[in-house]
Amino acid sequence: MSMKIVQNLFKKKVQEDLELPARRYGAKPELTSKQKMELSKAFGVFDPRGSGLVDPRSFLLSVQALGYEPKITEIDEIIAKGTSRAYNETIDFKDYYNLMSAKMTEDDKKEDILIAFKMFSSPETGVVTIDNLVEIAAELKEDISLEKLQEMIQFADKKGDGTVTYPEFAEMMERPELE
């Protein structure tokens, strides 16, 4: 029960303060038109003939052109996870798009979690406390008992110190039961 309360507080706080689209917090995230255009342009630079195919080296360069600096092992993992082709073969635009959109939406999710943590935490301490949750619940006019708010802290607090650090918050928000 407290997990759903955390999720609902998170959604309400983030959506009210940032007006982020709800699709990020339930439905599968999608790329913006700008991100789609960036992917298409980056792929096109390394596919000048318009064949719809790039080799692994060009794939790496196009990923770097988008601002990512992956290690070769990460590229191997990305390719192995997202294509049925061997590493020495070509990558088509569909596989490229699927691989890169997954990477880009994953980065967006991490950024959203960091933004949410900053909203919930105190700038002075850099952690989420029961006082922060009480303040947010009041601000959102949510009638949540102190006991439920304490459960929320305990749910995420791995060290048992009564506070939630960023790593603890991020781990909690990435738990499958919250998605």
N, C-alpha and C. Protein backbone atom coordinates (compact mmCIF):
# COMPACT_ATOMS: atom_id res chain seq x y z
N MET A 1 0.82 -1.19 0.00
CA MET A 1 0.00 0.00 0.00
C MET A 1 0.87 1.26 0.00
N SER A 2 1.90 1.28 0.82
CA SER A 2 2.75 2.48 0.89
C SER A 2 3.48 2.71 -0.43
N MET A 3 3.75 1.64 -1.20
CA MET A 3 4.42 1.81 -2.49
C MET A 3 3.55 2.62 -3.43
N LYS A 4 2.25 2.35 -3.45
CA LYS A 4 1.34 3.09 -4.31
C LYS A 4 1.26 4.55 -3.87
N ILE A 5 1.32 4.79 -2.57
CA ILE A 5 1.29 6.17 -2.07
C ILE A 5 2.54 6.91 -2.55
N VAL A 6 3.70 6.26 -2.47
CA VAL A 6 4.95 6.86 -2.95
C VAL A 6 4.79 7.21 -4.42
N GLN A 7 4.30 6.25 -5.19
CA GLN A 7 4.15 6.46 -6.62
C GLN A 7 3.18 7.62 -6.90
N ASN A 8 2.06 7.65 -6.21
CA ASN A 8 1.08 8.71 -6.44
C ASN A 8 1.61 10.08 -6.03
N LEU A 9 2.30 10.15 -4.90
CA LEU A 9 2.91 11.42 -4.48
C LEU A 9 3.93 11.88 -5.52
N PHE A 10 4.75 10.93 -5.96
CA PHE A 10 5.78 11.23 -6.96
C PHE A 10 5.13 11.79 -8.22
N LYS A 11 4.13 11.08 -8.74
CA LYS A 11 3.47 11.52 -9.97
C LYS A 11 2.86 12.91 -9.80
N LYS A 12 2.13 13.08 -8.73
CA LYS A 12 1.43 14.35 -8.52
C LYS A 12 2.41 15.50 -8.35
N LYS A 13 3.45 15.31 -7.55
CA LYS A 13 4.43 16.36 -7.30
C LYS A 13 5.17 16.72 -8.59
N VAL A 14 5.65 15.73 -9.30
CA VAL A 14 6.41 15.98 -10.52
C VAL A 14 5.53 16.63 -11.57
N GLN A 15 4.33 16.11 -11.76
CA GLN A 15 3.46 16.66 -12.79
C GLN A 15 3.02 18.08 -12.46
N GLU A 16 2.76 18.38 -11.19
CA GLU A 16 2.36 19.73 -10.83
C GLU A 16 3.51 20.71 -10.98
N ASP A 17 4.69 20.33 -10.53
CA ASP A 17 5.82 21.26 -10.54
C ASP A 17 6.45 21.41 -11.92
N LEU A 18 6.53 20.32 -12.67
CA LEU A 18 7.23 20.37 -13.95
C LEU A 18 6.32 20.24 -15.15
N GLU A 19 5.07 19.85 -14.92
CA GLU A 19 4.13 19.61 -15.99
C GLU A 19 4.70 18.65 -17.02
N LEU A 20 5.33 17.57 -16.54
CA LEU A 20 5.85 16.55 -17.43
C LEU A 20 4.71 15.68 -17.93
N PRO A 21 4.81 15.15 -19.12
CA PRO A 21 3.73 14.32 -19.64
C PRO A 21 3.53 13.06 -18.81
N ALA A 22 2.28 12.72 -18.61
CA ALA A 22 1.95 11.55 -17.78
C ALA A 22 2.47 10.26 -18.40
N ARG A 23 2.65 10.22 -19.70
CA ARG A 23 3.08 8.98 -20.35
C ARG A 23 4.41 8.46 -19.81
N ARG A 24 5.21 9.36 -19.22
CA ARG A 24 6.49 8.91 -18.67
C ARG A 24 6.31 8.08 -17.42
N TYR A 25 5.14 8.17 -16.82
CA TYR A 25 4.94 7.52 -15.53
C TYR A 25 3.85 6.47 -15.61
N GLY A 26 3.89 5.63 -16.56
CA GLY A 26 2.93 4.56 -16.67
C GLY A 26 3.03 3.90 -18.02
N ALA A 27 2.80 4.66 -19.06
CA ALA A 27 2.89 4.12 -20.41
C ALA A 27 4.35 4.07 -20.83
N LYS A 28 4.61 3.30 -21.87
CA LYS A 28 5.97 3.20 -22.38
C LYS A 28 6.44 4.58 -22.86
N PRO A 29 7.61 5.01 -22.40
CA PRO A 29 8.10 6.33 -22.81
C PRO A 29 8.34 6.38 -24.32
N GLU A 30 8.11 7.54 -24.88
CA GLU A 30 8.32 7.74 -26.30
C GLU A 30 9.32 8.87 -26.50
N LEU A 31 9.93 8.86 -27.66
CA LEU A 31 10.86 9.94 -28.00
C LEU A 31 10.08 11.15 -28.48
N THR A 32 10.64 12.30 -28.26
CA THR A 32 10.05 13.53 -28.79
C THR A 32 10.35 13.60 -30.28
N SER A 33 9.67 14.48 -30.98
CA SER A 33 9.93 14.67 -32.42
C SER A 33 11.37 15.08 -32.65
N LYS A 34 11.88 15.93 -31.76
CA LYS A 34 13.27 16.39 -31.87
C LYS A 34 14.24 15.21 -31.72
N GLN A 35 13.99 14.33 -30.75
CA GLN A 35 14.86 13.17 -30.54
C GLN A 35 14.81 12.24 -31.75
N LYS A 36 13.63 12.05 -32.31
CA LYS A 36 13.49 11.19 -33.50
C LYS A 36 14.29 11.77 -34.66
N MET A 37 14.23 13.08 -34.82
CA MET A 37 14.97 13.75 -35.89
C MET A 37 16.48 13.60 -35.66
N GLU A 38 16.93 13.74 -34.41
CA GLU A 38 18.35 13.57 -34.09
C GLU A 38 18.83 12.17 -34.46
N LEU A 39 18.01 11.16 -34.13
CA LEU A 39 18.37 9.78 -34.47
C LEU A 39 18.49 9.61 -35.98
N SER A 40 17.53 10.12 -36.69
CA SER A 40 17.52 10.00 -38.15
C SER A 40 18.74 10.68 -38.77
N LYS A 41 19.04 11.89 -38.30
CA LYS A 41 20.20 12.62 -38.83
C LYS A 41 21.50 11.90 -38.51
N ALA A 42 21.66 11.44 -37.26
CA ALA A 42 22.90 10.77 -36.87
C ALA A 42 23.10 9.50 -37.69
N PHE A 43 22.03 8.75 -37.92
CA PHE A 43 22.14 7.54 -38.73
C PHE A 43 22.48 7.91 -40.17
N GLY A 44 21.81 8.94 -40.69
CA GLY A 44 22.00 9.35 -42.08
C GLY A 44 23.42 9.79 -42.39
N VAL A 45 24.08 10.41 -41.43
CA VAL A 45 25.46 10.84 -41.63
C VAL A 45 26.35 9.64 -41.95
N PHE A 46 26.08 8.51 -41.33
CA PHE A 46 26.91 7.32 -41.52
C PHE A 46 26.32 6.34 -42.53
N ASP A 47 25.25 6.76 -43.18
CA ASP A 47 24.62 5.99 -44.25
C ASP A 47 24.38 6.92 -45.44
N PRO A 48 25.49 7.45 -46.03
CA PRO A 48 25.34 8.46 -47.08
C PRO A 48 24.63 7.95 -48.34
N ARG A 49 24.68 6.65 -48.60
CA ARG A 49 24.01 6.10 -49.78
C ARG A 49 22.52 5.87 -49.55
N GLY A 50 22.11 5.98 -48.29
CA GLY A 50 20.70 5.78 -47.98
C GLY A 50 20.26 4.33 -48.05
N SER A 51 21.19 3.41 -47.78
CA SER A 51 20.87 1.98 -47.85
C SER A 51 20.06 1.50 -46.65
N GLY A 52 20.05 2.30 -45.58
CA GLY A 52 19.36 1.88 -44.37
C GLY A 52 20.19 0.95 -43.50
N LEU A 53 21.50 0.86 -43.81
CA LEU A 53 22.41 -0.03 -43.07
C LEU A 53 23.69 0.71 -42.69
N VAL A 54 24.21 0.41 -41.49
CA VAL A 54 25.52 0.91 -41.09
C VAL A 54 26.31 -0.24 -40.48
N ASP A 55 27.63 -0.13 -40.57
CA ASP A 55 28.47 -1.16 -39.94
C ASP A 55 28.65 -0.82 -38.46
N PRO A 56 29.17 -1.76 -37.67
CA PRO A 56 29.33 -1.51 -36.23
C PRO A 56 30.18 -0.28 -35.90
N ARG A 57 31.23 -0.02 -36.68
CA ARG A 57 32.06 1.16 -36.42
C ARG A 57 31.25 2.44 -36.63
N SER A 58 30.47 2.48 -37.69
CA SER A 58 29.61 3.64 -37.95
C SER A 58 28.54 3.77 -36.88
N PHE A 59 28.05 2.63 -36.40
CA PHE A 59 27.07 2.65 -35.31
C PHE A 59 27.68 3.35 -34.10
N LEU A 60 28.90 2.95 -33.74
CA LEU A 60 29.60 3.56 -32.60
C LEU A 60 29.75 5.06 -32.81
N LEU A 61 30.18 5.46 -33.99
CA LEU A 61 30.37 6.88 -34.28
C LEU A 61 29.05 7.65 -34.21
N SER A 62 27.97 7.04 -34.69
CA SER A 62 26.67 7.73 -34.64
C SER A 62 26.18 7.87 -33.20
N VAL A 63 26.47 6.87 -32.38
CA VAL A 63 26.11 6.95 -30.96
C VAL A 63 26.88 8.09 -30.31
N GLN A 64 28.17 8.20 -30.64
CA GLN A 64 28.98 9.29 -30.11
C GLN A 64 28.49 10.64 -30.61
N ALA A 65 28.02 10.69 -31.86
CA ALA A 65 27.49 11.94 -32.42
C ALA A 65 26.26 12.42 -31.65
N LEU A 66 25.56 11.50 -31.01
CA LEU A 66 24.39 11.85 -30.20
C LEU A 66 24.77 12.26 -28.78
N GLY A 67 26.08 12.28 -28.49
CA GLY A 67 26.53 12.74 -27.18
C GLY A 67 26.82 11.65 -26.18
N TYR A 68 26.76 10.40 -26.59
CA TYR A 68 27.07 9.30 -25.68
C TYR A 68 28.51 8.87 -25.91
N GLU A 69 29.17 8.47 -24.85
CA GLU A 69 30.55 8.00 -24.93
C GLU A 69 30.63 6.57 -24.38
N PRO A 70 30.04 5.63 -25.09
CA PRO A 70 30.03 4.26 -24.58
C PRO A 70 31.37 3.57 -24.77
N LYS A 71 31.60 2.59 -23.91
CA LYS A 71 32.77 1.72 -24.07
C LYS A 71 32.42 0.67 -25.12
N ILE A 72 33.43 0.06 -25.70
CA ILE A 72 33.21 -0.97 -26.71
C ILE A 72 32.35 -2.10 -26.14
N THR A 73 32.58 -2.45 -24.87
CA THR A 73 31.78 -3.53 -24.26
C THR A 73 30.31 -3.14 -24.18
N GLU A 74 30.03 -1.85 -23.93
CA GLU A 74 28.64 -1.39 -23.91
C GLU A 74 28.01 -1.49 -25.29
N ILE A 75 28.78 -1.12 -26.31
CA ILE A 75 28.28 -1.22 -27.69
C ILE A 75 27.99 -2.68 -28.02
N ASP A 76 28.91 -3.58 -27.64
CA ASP A 76 28.68 -5.01 -27.87
C ASP A 76 27.38 -5.46 -27.21
N GLU A 77 27.16 -5.03 -25.96
CA GLU A 77 25.94 -5.39 -25.23
C GLU A 77 24.71 -4.84 -25.92
N ILE A 78 24.77 -3.57 -26.33
CA ILE A 78 23.63 -2.93 -26.99
C ILE A 78 23.28 -3.69 -28.27
N ILE A 79 24.30 -3.99 -29.06
CA ILE A 79 24.06 -4.69 -30.32
C ILE A 79 23.54 -6.10 -30.06
N ALA A 80 24.15 -6.82 -29.12
CA ALA A 80 23.71 -8.19 -28.82
C ALA A 80 22.28 -8.21 -28.31
N LYS A 81 21.92 -7.22 -27.51
CA LYS A 81 20.58 -7.15 -26.93
C LYS A 81 19.53 -6.80 -27.98
N GLY A 82 19.89 -5.96 -28.92
CA GLY A 82 18.88 -5.41 -29.80
C GLY A 82 18.85 -5.90 -31.23
N THR A 83 19.83 -6.71 -31.63
CA THR A 83 19.82 -7.18 -33.01
C THR A 83 20.01 -8.68 -33.06
N SER A 84 19.63 -9.23 -34.18
CA SER A 84 19.82 -10.66 -34.38
C SER A 84 21.06 -10.93 -35.22
N ARG A 85 21.75 -9.86 -35.57
CA ARG A 85 22.92 -9.99 -36.43
C ARG A 85 24.20 -10.16 -35.60
N ALA A 86 25.20 -10.73 -36.21
CA ALA A 86 26.51 -10.83 -35.57
C ALA A 86 27.15 -9.45 -35.57
N TYR A 87 28.09 -9.23 -34.68
CA TYR A 87 28.73 -7.92 -34.53
C TYR A 87 29.40 -7.44 -35.81
N ASN A 88 29.91 -8.36 -36.60
CA ASN A 88 30.65 -7.94 -37.80
C ASN A 88 29.73 -7.64 -38.98
N GLU A 89 28.43 -7.75 -38.77
CA GLU A 89 27.49 -7.46 -39.85
C GLU A 89 26.93 -6.05 -39.69
N THR A 90 26.02 -5.70 -40.56
CA THR A 90 25.46 -4.36 -40.53
C THR A 90 24.27 -4.24 -39.58
N ILE A 91 23.94 -3.00 -39.27
CA ILE A 91 22.81 -2.69 -38.39
C ILE A 91 21.85 -1.85 -39.21
N ASP A 92 20.59 -2.28 -39.28
CA ASP A 92 19.63 -1.50 -40.05
C ASP A 92 19.02 -0.39 -39.20
N PHE A 93 18.31 0.53 -39.87
CA PHE A 93 17.78 1.69 -39.16
C PHE A 93 16.77 1.29 -38.08
N LYS A 94 15.96 0.27 -38.35
CA LYS A 94 14.96 -0.15 -37.36
C LYS A 94 15.65 -0.59 -36.06
N ASP A 95 16.68 -1.45 -36.18
CA ASP A 95 17.42 -1.89 -34.99
C ASP A 95 18.10 -0.69 -34.32
N TYR A 96 18.71 0.17 -35.13
CA TYR A 96 19.37 1.36 -34.61
C TYR A 96 18.38 2.22 -33.82
N TYR A 97 17.23 2.45 -34.41
CA TYR A 97 16.20 3.28 -33.76
C TYR A 97 15.76 2.65 -32.44
N ASN A 98 15.49 1.34 -32.46
CA ASN A 98 15.05 0.65 -31.24
C ASN A 98 16.13 0.70 -30.15
N LEU A 99 17.37 0.45 -30.53
CA LEU A 99 18.47 0.47 -29.57
C LEU A 99 18.66 1.86 -28.96
N MET A 100 18.68 2.86 -29.81
CA MET A 100 18.96 4.21 -29.34
C MET A 100 17.77 4.82 -28.61
N SER A 101 16.56 4.51 -29.03
CA SER A 101 15.41 5.07 -28.31
C SER A 101 15.33 4.47 -26.91
N ALA A 102 15.69 3.18 -26.78
CA ALA A 102 15.72 2.56 -25.45
C ALA A 102 16.77 3.26 -24.58
N LYS A 103 17.92 3.55 -25.15
CA LYS A 103 18.99 4.24 -24.41
C LYS A 103 18.56 5.66 -24.02
N MET A 104 17.94 6.36 -24.94
CA MET A 104 17.54 7.74 -24.68
C MET A 104 16.42 7.82 -23.64
N THR A 105 15.45 6.91 -23.71
CA THR A 105 14.36 6.94 -22.73
C THR A 105 14.85 6.48 -21.36
N GLU A 106 15.84 5.58 -21.34
CA GLU A 106 16.45 5.17 -20.07
C GLU A 106 17.13 6.37 -19.41
N ASP A 107 17.84 7.15 -20.21
CA ASP A 107 18.49 8.36 -19.69
C ASP A 107 17.46 9.36 -19.18
N ASP A 108 16.34 9.49 -19.91
CA ASP A 108 15.26 10.39 -19.47
C ASP A 108 14.71 9.95 -18.12
N LYS A 109 14.54 8.64 -17.95
CA LYS A 109 14.00 8.12 -16.69
C LYS A 109 14.95 8.46 -15.53
N LYS A 110 16.26 8.27 -15.75
CA LYS A 110 17.23 8.60 -14.71
C LYS A 110 17.19 10.08 -14.37
N GLU A 111 17.04 10.91 -15.39
CA GLU A 111 16.96 12.35 -15.16
C GLU A 111 15.69 12.70 -14.38
N ASP A 112 14.58 12.06 -14.72
CA ASP A 112 13.32 12.30 -14.00
C ASP A 112 13.44 11.91 -12.53
N ILE A 113 14.11 10.80 -12.26
CA ILE A 113 14.29 10.35 -10.87
C ILE A 113 15.13 11.36 -10.10
N LEU A 114 16.18 11.87 -10.73
CA LEU A 114 17.01 12.88 -10.07
C LEU A 114 16.21 14.15 -9.79
N ILE A 115 15.41 14.58 -10.75
CA ILE A 115 14.57 15.77 -10.56
C ILE A 115 13.60 15.54 -9.40
N ALA A 116 12.97 14.36 -9.38
CA ALA A 116 12.02 14.05 -8.31
C ALA A 116 12.72 14.04 -6.96
N PHE A 117 13.92 13.45 -6.90
CA PHE A 117 14.66 13.42 -5.64
C PHE A 117 14.92 14.83 -5.14
N LYS A 118 15.31 15.71 -6.04
CA LYS A 118 15.58 17.09 -5.64
C LYS A 118 14.32 17.78 -5.12
N MET A 119 13.16 17.40 -5.67
CA MET A 119 11.90 17.97 -5.20
C MET A 119 11.54 17.46 -3.80
N PHE A 120 11.85 16.20 -3.54
CA PHE A 120 11.49 15.60 -2.27
C PHE A 120 12.52 15.89 -1.18
N SER A 121 13.76 16.08 -1.55
CA SER A 121 14.82 16.21 -0.54
C SER A 121 15.03 17.66 -0.13
N SER A 122 15.73 17.80 0.97
CA SER A 122 16.08 19.12 1.48
C SER A 122 17.41 19.54 0.86
N PRO A 123 17.50 20.75 0.31
CA PRO A 123 18.76 21.19 -0.28
C PRO A 123 19.90 21.26 0.74
N GLU A 124 19.55 21.50 2.00
CA GLU A 124 20.57 21.61 3.03
C GLU A 124 21.20 20.25 3.36
N THR A 125 20.37 19.21 3.40
CA THR A 125 20.88 17.89 3.81
C THR A 125 21.13 16.94 2.65
N GLY A 126 20.43 17.13 1.54
CA GLY A 126 20.59 16.24 0.39
C GLY A 126 19.97 14.87 0.60
N VAL A 127 19.05 14.75 1.55
CA VAL A 127 18.35 13.49 1.80
C VAL A 127 16.85 13.79 1.97
N VAL A 128 16.04 12.75 1.83
CA VAL A 128 14.60 12.86 2.07
C VAL A 128 14.34 12.43 3.51
N THR A 129 13.62 13.26 4.24
CA THR A 129 13.28 12.95 5.63
C THR A 129 11.76 12.89 5.77
N ILE A 130 11.31 12.45 6.93
CA ILE A 130 9.88 12.43 7.22
C ILE A 130 9.31 13.84 7.12
N ASP A 131 10.08 14.84 7.56
CA ASP A 131 9.61 16.23 7.49
C ASP A 131 9.37 16.66 6.04
N ASN A 132 10.24 16.22 5.12
CA ASN A 132 10.04 16.54 3.71
C ASN A 132 8.73 15.96 3.20
N LEU A 133 8.46 14.71 3.56
CA LEU A 133 7.23 14.06 3.10
C LEU A 133 5.99 14.71 3.70
N VAL A 134 6.06 15.09 4.97
CA VAL A 134 4.93 15.78 5.61
C VAL A 134 4.65 17.09 4.86
N GLU A 135 5.70 17.82 4.56
CA GLU A 135 5.56 19.10 3.86
C GLU A 135 4.96 18.91 2.46
N ILE A 136 5.44 17.91 1.72
CA ILE A 136 4.93 17.66 0.37
C ILE A 136 3.48 17.20 0.41
N ALA A 137 3.15 16.30 1.33
CA ALA A 137 1.77 15.83 1.46
C ALA A 137 0.83 17.00 1.75
N ALA A 138 1.25 17.90 2.63
CA ALA A 138 0.43 19.08 2.96
C ALA A 138 0.29 19.99 1.74
N GLU A 139 1.40 20.21 1.05
CA GLU A 139 1.40 21.06 -0.14
C GLU A 139 0.44 20.53 -1.21
N LEU A 140 0.39 19.20 -1.34
CA LEU A 140 -0.48 18.56 -2.34
C LEU A 140 -1.88 18.28 -1.80
N LYS A 141 -2.12 18.69 -0.56
CA LYS A 141 -3.41 18.47 0.10
C LYS A 141 -3.79 16.99 0.13
N GLU A 142 -2.78 16.16 0.40
CA GLU A 142 -2.98 14.72 0.54
C GLU A 142 -3.14 14.39 2.01
N ASP A 143 -4.19 13.66 2.34
CA ASP A 143 -4.45 13.27 3.73
C ASP A 143 -3.78 11.91 3.98
N ILE A 144 -2.51 11.96 4.36
CA ILE A 144 -1.74 10.74 4.61
C ILE A 144 -1.25 10.79 6.04
N SER A 145 -1.48 9.70 6.76
CA SER A 145 -1.08 9.67 8.17
C SER A 145 0.44 9.70 8.30
N LEU A 146 0.89 10.17 9.45
CA LEU A 146 2.32 10.19 9.76
C LEU A 146 2.88 8.78 9.71
N GLU A 147 2.07 7.81 10.14
CA GLU A 147 2.49 6.41 10.11
C GLU A 147 2.77 5.94 8.68
N LYS A 148 1.90 6.31 7.74
CA LYS A 148 2.10 5.92 6.33
C LYS A 148 3.34 6.61 5.75
N LEU A 149 3.53 7.86 6.11
CA LEU A 149 4.71 8.57 5.62
C LEU A 149 5.99 7.93 6.17
N GLN A 150 5.94 7.50 7.44
CA GLN A 150 7.09 6.82 8.04
C GLN A 150 7.36 5.50 7.33
N GLU A 151 6.29 4.79 6.95
CA GLU A 151 6.44 3.54 6.19
C GLU A 151 7.15 3.81 4.87
N MET A 152 6.82 4.94 4.25
CA MET A 152 7.45 5.29 2.98
C MET A 152 8.95 5.47 3.16
N ILE A 153 9.34 6.14 4.24
CA ILE A 153 10.77 6.32 4.52
C ILE A 153 11.42 4.95 4.76
N GLN A 154 10.80 4.13 5.59
CA GLN A 154 11.35 2.81 5.91
C GLN A 154 11.45 1.93 4.67
N PHE A 155 10.51 2.06 3.76
CA PHE A 155 10.49 1.28 2.53
C PHE A 155 11.75 1.51 1.71
N ALA A 156 12.22 2.76 1.69
CA ALA A 156 13.38 3.11 0.87
C ALA A 156 14.69 3.14 1.64
N ASP A 157 14.63 3.33 2.95
CA ASP A 157 15.82 3.53 3.78
C ASP A 157 16.55 2.22 4.04
N LYS A 158 17.61 1.97 3.30
CA LYS A 158 18.38 0.72 3.44
C LYS A 158 19.33 0.75 4.63
N LYS A 159 19.79 1.95 4.99
CA LYS A 159 20.76 2.05 6.08
C LYS A 159 20.10 2.09 7.45
N GLY A 160 18.80 2.36 7.48
CA GLY A 160 18.09 2.41 8.75
C GLY A 160 18.35 3.66 9.56
N ASP A 161 18.76 4.74 8.88
CA ASP A 161 19.05 5.98 9.61
C ASP A 161 17.90 6.99 9.59
N GLY A 162 16.77 6.59 9.03
CA GLY A 162 15.60 7.47 9.01
C GLY A 162 15.60 8.50 7.90
N THR A 163 16.57 8.39 6.98
CA THR A 163 16.62 9.29 5.83
C THR A 163 16.77 8.46 4.56
N VAL A 164 16.46 9.08 3.43
CA VAL A 164 16.60 8.40 2.14
C VAL A 164 17.58 9.20 1.29
N THR A 165 18.70 8.56 0.94
CA THR A 165 19.71 9.18 0.09
C THR A 165 19.30 9.03 -1.38
N TYR A 166 20.01 9.72 -2.26
CA TYR A 166 19.69 9.59 -3.69
C TYR A 166 19.80 8.15 -4.18
N PRO A 167 20.88 7.42 -3.88
CA PRO A 167 20.94 6.03 -4.35
C PRO A 167 19.76 5.18 -3.84
N GLU A 168 19.36 5.39 -2.60
CA GLU A 168 18.22 4.65 -2.05
C GLU A 168 16.92 5.05 -2.76
N PHE A 169 16.76 6.34 -3.02
CA PHE A 169 15.57 6.84 -3.71
C PHE A 169 15.50 6.28 -5.12
N ALA A 170 16.63 6.32 -5.84
CA ALA A 170 16.67 5.82 -7.22
C ALA A 170 16.36 4.33 -7.25
N GLU A 171 16.93 3.58 -6.33
CA GLU A 171 16.66 2.14 -6.28
C GLU A 171 15.18 1.88 -6.02
N MET A 172 14.60 2.64 -5.10
CA MET A 172 13.18 2.48 -4.79
C MET A 172 12.32 2.79 -6.02
N MET A 173 12.62 3.87 -6.72
CA MET A 173 11.80 4.28 -7.86
C MET A 173 11.94 3.33 -9.04
N GLU A 174 13.03 2.56 -9.09
CA GLU A 174 13.22 1.62 -10.19
C GLU A 174 12.70 0.23 -9.87
N ARG A 175 12.15 0.05 -8.68
CA ARG A 175 11.59 -1.26 -8.33
C ARG A 175 10.41 -1.56 -9.23
N PRO A 176 10.31 -2.81 -9.69
CA PRO A 176 9.23 -3.17 -10.62
C PRO A 176 7.83 -2.91 -10.07
N GLU A 177 7.64 -3.04 -8.76
CA GLU A 177 6.31 -2.83 -8.20
C GLU A 177 5.85 -1.38 -8.28
N LEU A 178 6.76 -0.47 -8.61
CA LEU A 178 6.39 0.94 -8.76
C LEU A 178 6.17 1.31 -10.21
N GLU A 179 6.42 0.42 -11.13
CA GLU A 179 6.26 0.75 -12.55
C GLU A 179 4.92 0.31 -13.07
